[in-house]
């Protein structure tokens, strides 16, 4: 699983941000183009391209297969 705060969990559930199987965060293009102040800029847009920190032990990392499946849903979102 992924440990996310309430804001990022909601953004993930609503396909505003996605996590690639290589653990890099992508923010939806329309959100990146929005201009709405510092909360949007630093709270969401600033995470685009950032890598999540994951445990070194592979058996406790998020599943690449599950992330790939979920990332495809994110990519299909408008």
Protein backbone atom coordinates (compact mmCIF):
# COMPACT_ATOMS: atom_id res chain seq x y z
CA UNK A 1 0.00 0.00 0.00
CA UNK A 2 0.83 3.66 -0.06
CA UNK A 3 0.97 5.89 3.01
CA UNK A 4 -0.56 9.19 1.93
CA UNK A 5 -1.92 12.16 3.85
CA UNK A 6 -5.61 13.01 3.50
CA UNK A 7 -5.02 15.55 0.70
CA UNK A 8 -2.85 13.27 -1.45
CA UNK A 9 -5.02 10.24 -0.75
CA UNK A 10 -8.06 12.14 -2.07
CA UNK A 11 -6.06 13.36 -5.08
CA UNK A 12 -4.95 9.78 -5.79
CA UNK A 13 -8.51 8.41 -5.44
CA UNK A 14 -9.85 11.13 -7.75
CA UNK A 15 -7.14 10.66 -10.40
CA UNK A 16 -5.63 14.07 -9.81
CA UNK A 17 -2.29 12.46 -9.16
CA UNK A 18 -0.97 9.06 -10.10
CA UNK A 19 1.97 6.94 -9.04
CA UNK A 20 3.89 5.15 -11.76
CA UNK A 21 5.19 1.62 -11.10
CA UNK A 22 8.69 3.12 -10.70
CA UNK A 23 7.26 5.21 -7.80
CA UNK A 24 7.37 8.56 -9.62
CA UNK A 25 4.41 10.88 -9.08
CA UNK A 26 2.54 12.42 -11.99
CA UNK A 27 -0.04 15.17 -11.67
CA UNK A 28 -2.82 15.43 -14.23
CA UNK A 29 -1.99 17.93 -17.00
CA UNK A 30 -5.04 20.16 -16.41
CA UNK A 31 -4.09 20.48 -12.74
CA UNK A 32 -0.51 21.39 -13.68
CA UNK A 33 -1.83 24.16 -15.93
CA UNK A 34 -4.18 25.58 -13.27
CA UNK A 35 -3.14 28.77 -11.45
CA UNK A 36 -4.79 28.93 -8.03
CA UNK A 37 -2.22 29.99 -5.49
CA UNK A 38 0.43 28.46 -3.26
CA UNK A 39 -1.61 25.55 -1.88
CA UNK A 40 -2.12 24.10 -5.35
CA UNK A 41 1.43 24.95 -6.42
CA UNK A 42 3.15 23.44 -3.39
CA UNK A 43 0.50 20.92 -2.28
CA UNK A 44 0.00 19.16 -5.61
CA UNK A 45 1.79 20.63 -8.62
CA UNK A 46 5.16 20.60 -6.88
CA UNK A 47 5.03 16.83 -6.52
CA UNK A 48 4.94 16.22 -10.28
CA UNK A 49 8.03 14.20 -11.20
CA UNK A 50 9.03 13.51 -7.58
CA UNK A 51 9.88 10.00 -6.48
CA UNK A 52 8.24 8.35 -3.49
CA UNK A 53 10.49 7.00 -0.79
CA UNK A 54 10.07 3.24 -0.47
CA UNK A 55 11.46 0.67 1.93
CA UNK A 56 14.67 -1.02 0.82
CA UNK A 57 13.17 -4.46 1.37
CA UNK A 58 11.33 -5.37 -1.82
CA UNK A 59 8.77 -7.55 -0.04
CA UNK A 60 7.31 -4.52 1.81
CA UNK A 61 7.27 -2.12 -1.14
CA UNK A 62 4.06 -1.29 -3.02
CA UNK A 63 3.24 -3.85 -5.69
CA UNK A 64 4.51 -2.75 -9.12
CA UNK A 65 1.69 -4.70 -10.76
CA UNK A 66 -0.99 -2.96 -8.68
CA UNK A 67 0.62 0.42 -9.30
CA UNK A 68 0.72 -0.25 -13.05
CA UNK A 69 -2.96 -1.18 -13.07
CA UNK A 70 -3.95 1.88 -11.03
CA UNK A 71 -1.70 4.17 -13.10
CA UNK A 72 -3.52 3.12 -16.27
CA UNK A 73 -6.77 4.33 -14.67
CA UNK A 74 -5.07 7.64 -13.87
CA UNK A 75 -3.84 8.01 -17.46
CA UNK A 76 -7.36 7.46 -18.81
CA UNK A 77 -8.83 10.16 -16.55
CA UNK A 78 -9.64 13.46 -18.20
